[in-house]
Amino acid sequence: MERLRCQRIGCNATFTEDDNPENSCTYHESGPLFHDGMKKWSCCKKSSHDFSLFLEIPGCKTGKHTTEKPVIAKPAANQNRAIPAPTSMANVSPKDACPRCCQGFFCSDHGSQPREAIPKASNSNTVTSVPSESNTDVQQCHPAPVKKKVDINEPQICKNKGCGKTFTEKENHDTACSYHPGPAIFHDRMRGWKCCDIHVKEFDEFMSISPCTTGWHNASPAS
């Protein structure tokens, strides 16, 4: 029996027509909202700033799997929301005035990247501390964490963006996974991937953008 891919938002599971009981599918009933770097499901109001964590938010509705793509009602944009103006616009560059750049998100208009905090020196008398024997002892009390041992036949879910497939380490290889190295970009109602420079308006179109990179499946990619 051919296995089919469920088209409900937030599910992405496979099923067969003979094995599709009620409440076997967990999904989101309404589409997502994107505003000022926040990603939120309009149906259950759950949100996250991180896109990978946002996609992992479990669905709030249950039902049967289906191959029919859902019709998503577009939420009305809040046009009356007031945006506070800066206290002073003198000598302020467009990049510094952009709310996305100020929050450290990628901005296609200004090419902003996440900023790293730069430590400030308090004064000229600041003395750089030198690791002592006591500090060495503390470091030895906290060794590096031991890597998790995984059975090569244990099924795992790939967390690479755009993949989400189940795999085993025994079958894993350097072209097994098709994914987006990212990051995902949301700006001016456009959704896309910086890695392949494709941008669309609709969320379901964004989720259907074909991955542009191949590599190894990874159940716990580096953040």
Protein backbone atom coordinates (compact mmCIF):
# COMPACT_ATOMS: atom_id res chain seq x y z
CA MET A 1 0.00 0.00 0.00
CA GLU A 2 1.43 3.37 -1.07
CA ARG A 3 2.21 5.75 1.78
CA LEU A 4 0.90 9.29 1.34
CA ARG A 5 2.17 12.55 2.84
CA CYS A 6 -0.33 14.47 5.01
CA GLN A 7 -0.82 18.05 3.80
CA ARG A 8 -2.16 19.55 7.02
CA ILE A 9 -0.02 22.36 8.46
CA GLY A 10 2.22 21.12 11.27
CA CYS A 11 1.76 17.39 10.54
CA ASN A 12 4.04 16.23 7.68
CA ALA A 13 3.45 12.55 8.58
CA THR A 14 2.91 9.70 6.13
CA PHE A 15 -0.14 7.41 6.14
CA THR A 16 -2.11 4.91 4.09
CA GLU A 17 -5.81 4.97 3.25
CA ASP A 18 -6.33 1.76 5.26
CA ASP A 19 -4.51 3.11 8.32
CA ASN A 20 -5.93 6.58 8.94
CA PRO A 21 -8.05 6.53 12.13
CA GLU A 22 -9.73 9.56 13.66
CA ASN A 23 -7.39 11.79 15.77
CA SER A 24 -4.29 10.26 14.12
CA CYS A 25 -3.31 13.71 12.78
CA THR A 26 -2.20 16.65 14.95
CA TYR A 27 -2.09 19.93 13.06
CA HIS A 28 -2.58 23.70 13.11
CA GLU A 29 -5.96 24.90 11.89
CA SER A 30 -4.92 28.44 10.95
CA GLY A 31 -1.88 29.95 9.31
CA PRO A 32 1.07 31.69 11.00
CA LEU A 33 1.58 35.37 11.75
CA PHE A 34 4.95 37.11 11.38
CA HIS A 35 5.59 40.49 13.00
CA ASP A 36 8.76 42.22 14.30
CA GLY A 37 10.74 38.98 14.35
CA MET A 38 8.00 37.04 16.19
CA LYS A 39 6.46 33.93 14.60
CA LYS A 40 3.02 32.98 16.00
CA TRP A 41 0.31 30.42 15.15
CA SER A 42 -2.97 32.35 14.89
CA CYS A 43 -5.02 29.28 15.94
CA CYS A 44 -3.38 28.60 19.32
CA LYS A 45 -1.44 31.88 19.88
CA LYS A 46 1.81 29.96 20.56
CA SER A 47 4.90 31.77 19.31
CA SER A 48 8.69 31.82 19.08
CA HIS A 49 11.42 34.13 17.77
CA ASP A 50 13.41 31.12 16.49
CA PHE A 51 12.01 29.71 13.22
CA SER A 52 13.16 26.14 13.92
CA LEU A 53 11.48 26.14 17.34
CA PHE A 54 8.39 27.74 15.79
CA LEU A 55 8.01 24.84 13.33
CA GLU A 56 8.34 22.35 16.21
CA ILE A 57 5.34 23.81 18.11
CA PRO A 58 2.84 20.89 18.21
CA GLY A 59 -0.51 21.29 16.50
CA CYS A 60 -3.59 22.28 18.50
CA LYS A 61 -6.21 20.33 16.48
CA THR A 62 -6.68 16.61 15.78
CA GLY A 63 -8.38 14.72 12.97
CA LYS A 64 -7.62 12.41 10.05
CA HIS A 65 -4.67 12.74 7.72
CA THR A 66 -5.48 14.15 4.27
CA THR A 67 -3.73 14.77 0.95
CA GLU A 68 -5.82 17.88 0.27
CA LYS A 69 -4.04 21.14 0.95
CA PRO A 70 -5.99 23.25 3.46
CA VAL A 71 -7.38 26.64 2.51
CA ILE A 72 -5.81 29.10 4.93
CA ALA A 73 -7.76 32.23 5.79
CA LYS A 74 -5.47 35.23 5.63
CA PRO A 75 -5.50 37.13 8.96
CA ALA A 76 -6.33 40.81 8.66
CA ALA A 77 -3.26 42.99 9.11
CA ASN A 78 -3.40 45.39 12.04
CA GLN A 79 -3.03 48.67 10.19
CA ASN A 80 -3.83 50.84 13.22
CA ARG A 81 -1.02 49.68 15.42
CA ALA A 82 1.06 52.67 16.43
CA ILE A 83 4.81 52.50 15.94
CA PRO A 84 6.76 54.62 18.44
CA ALA A 85 9.01 57.16 16.79
CA PRO A 86 12.64 57.53 17.87
CA THR A 87 13.33 60.32 20.38
CA SER A 88 15.77 61.90 17.96
CA MET A 89 16.21 61.25 14.25
CA ALA A 90 19.30 63.45 13.89
CA ASN A 91 22.34 61.60 12.55
CA VAL A 92 20.44 58.26 12.59
CA SER A 93 21.17 55.97 9.63
CA PRO A 94 18.33 53.94 8.01
CA LYS A 95 19.99 50.75 9.33
CA ASP A 96 19.94 52.07 12.93
CA ALA A 97 16.29 53.11 12.56
CA CYS A 98 15.18 49.74 11.15
CA PRO A 99 13.44 47.68 13.88
CA ARG A 100 14.69 44.37 12.41
CA CYS A 101 18.32 45.53 12.35
CA CYS A 102 18.02 46.84 15.92
CA GLN A 103 16.85 43.41 17.08
CA GLY A 104 19.72 41.64 15.31
CA PHE A 105 17.60 39.88 12.65
CA PHE A 106 18.65 39.55 9.02
CA CYS A 107 17.24 42.41 6.94
CA SER A 108 17.29 42.21 3.14
CA ASP A 109 17.25 46.03 2.90
CA HIS A 110 20.31 46.67 5.05
CA GLY A 111 22.07 43.29 5.24
CA SER A 112 21.91 43.20 9.03
CA GLN A 113 23.35 40.20 10.81
CA PRO A 114 23.00 39.10 14.46
CA ARG A 115 25.20 41.25 16.61
CA GLU A 116 27.65 39.98 19.18
CA ALA A 117 27.96 41.81 22.44
CA ILE A 118 31.29 43.62 22.82
CA PRO A 119 32.57 43.81 26.40
CA LYS A 120 33.29 47.36 27.59
CA ALA A 121 36.40 48.23 29.57
CA SER A 122 35.40 50.01 32.79
CA ASN A 123 38.60 52.08 33.13
CA SER A 124 42.33 52.08 32.49
CA ASN A 125 43.00 50.36 35.82
CA THR A 126 41.19 47.19 34.79
CA VAL A 127 43.40 44.16 35.36
CA THR A 128 43.05 41.10 33.15
CA SER A 129 42.57 38.07 35.33
CA VAL A 130 44.99 35.17 34.88
CA PRO A 131 43.71 31.60 35.40
CA SER A 132 44.92 30.38 38.76
CA GLU A 133 45.34 26.88 40.06
CA SER A 134 41.93 27.12 41.76
CA ASN A 135 40.29 28.01 38.41
CA THR A 136 42.01 25.04 36.82
CA ASP A 137 40.61 22.81 39.51
CA VAL A 138 37.09 24.12 38.86
CA GLN A 139 37.44 23.43 35.13
CA GLN A 140 38.59 19.89 35.86
CA CYS A 141 35.49 19.34 38.01
CA HIS A 142 33.29 20.10 34.97
CA PRO A 143 34.59 18.04 32.03
CA ALA A 144 33.15 18.39 28.54
CA PRO A 145 29.83 16.56 28.10
CA VAL A 146 30.08 13.06 26.65
CA LYS A 147 28.51 12.66 23.23
CA LYS A 148 25.33 10.61 23.14
CA LYS A 149 25.79 7.11 21.77
CA VAL A 150 23.14 6.27 19.17
CA ASP A 151 22.25 2.83 17.87
CA ILE A 152 22.93 2.81 14.11
CA ASN A 153 19.54 1.14 13.58
CA GLU A 154 17.59 3.54 15.84
CA PRO A 155 15.07 5.69 13.88
CA GLN A 156 15.69 9.43 14.29
CA ILE A 157 14.04 12.55 12.89
CA CYS A 158 16.28 14.88 10.87
CA LYS A 159 16.18 18.46 12.23
CA ASN A 160 17.79 20.08 9.20
CA LYS A 161 15.55 22.89 7.91
CA GLY A 162 13.30 21.68 5.09
CA CYS A 163 13.92 17.95 5.70
CA GLY A 164 12.15 16.41 8.73
CA LYS A 165 12.53 12.83 7.44
CA THR A 166 13.03 9.74 9.59
CA PHE A 167 16.43 8.05 9.16
CA THR A 168 18.89 5.67 10.76
CA GLU A 169 22.65 6.23 11.07
CA LYS A 170 23.22 2.98 9.22
CA GLU A 171 21.55 4.41 6.11
CA ASN A 172 22.93 7.95 6.53
CA HIS A 173 25.42 9.28 3.97
CA ASP A 174 26.71 12.55 2.51
CA THR A 175 23.80 12.99 0.05
CA ALA A 176 20.97 11.46 2.10
CA CYS A 177 19.47 14.78 3.22
CA SER A 178 18.05 17.66 1.16
CA TYR A 179 17.73 20.81 3.26
CA HIS A 180 18.13 24.58 3.55
CA PRO A 181 21.25 25.74 5.43
CA GLY A 182 19.27 28.97 5.96
CA PRO A 183 18.58 31.27 7.52
CA ALA A 184 14.89 31.84 6.81
CA ILE A 185 14.06 35.48 6.00
CA PHE A 186 10.78 37.26 6.76
CA HIS A 187 10.56 40.88 5.63
CA ASP A 188 7.77 43.09 4.25
CA ARG A 189 5.31 40.15 4.03
CA MET A 190 7.82 38.11 2.02
CA ARG A 191 9.09 34.69 3.13
CA GLY A 192 12.21 33.06 1.77
CA TRP A 193 15.61 31.44 2.30
CA LYS A 194 18.85 33.39 2.16
CA CYS A 195 20.76 30.28 1.01
CA CYS A 196 18.93 29.96 -2.33
CA ASP A 197 17.60 33.56 -2.58
CA ILE A 198 13.98 32.53 -3.21
CA HIS A 199 11.19 34.69 -1.74
CA VAL A 200 7.40 34.19 -1.90
CA LYS A 201 4.36 35.83 -0.30
CA GLU A 202 2.30 32.83 0.86
CA PHE A 203 3.38 30.63 3.78
CA ASP A 204 2.39 27.37 2.04
CA GLU A 205 4.50 28.42 -0.97
CA PHE A 206 7.41 29.11 1.40
CA MET A 207 7.06 25.63 2.94
CA SER A 208 7.08 24.12 -0.59
CA ILE A 209 10.38 25.72 -1.68
CA SER A 210 12.66 22.86 -2.72
CA PRO A 211 15.80 22.42 -0.57
CA CYS A 212 18.97 23.70 -2.22
CA THR A 213 21.66 21.70 -0.38
CA THR A 214 22.42 18.01 0.15
CA GLY A 215 24.34 16.44 3.01
CA TRP A 216 24.05 14.17 6.05
CA HIS A 217 20.85 13.82 8.06
CA ASN A 218 21.28 15.38 11.50
CA ALA A 219 19.01 14.75 14.50
CA SER A 220 20.56 17.55 16.55
CA PRO A 221 22.07 20.25 14.31
CA ALA A 222 24.16 23.02 15.81
CA SER A 223 22.11 26.13 16.56
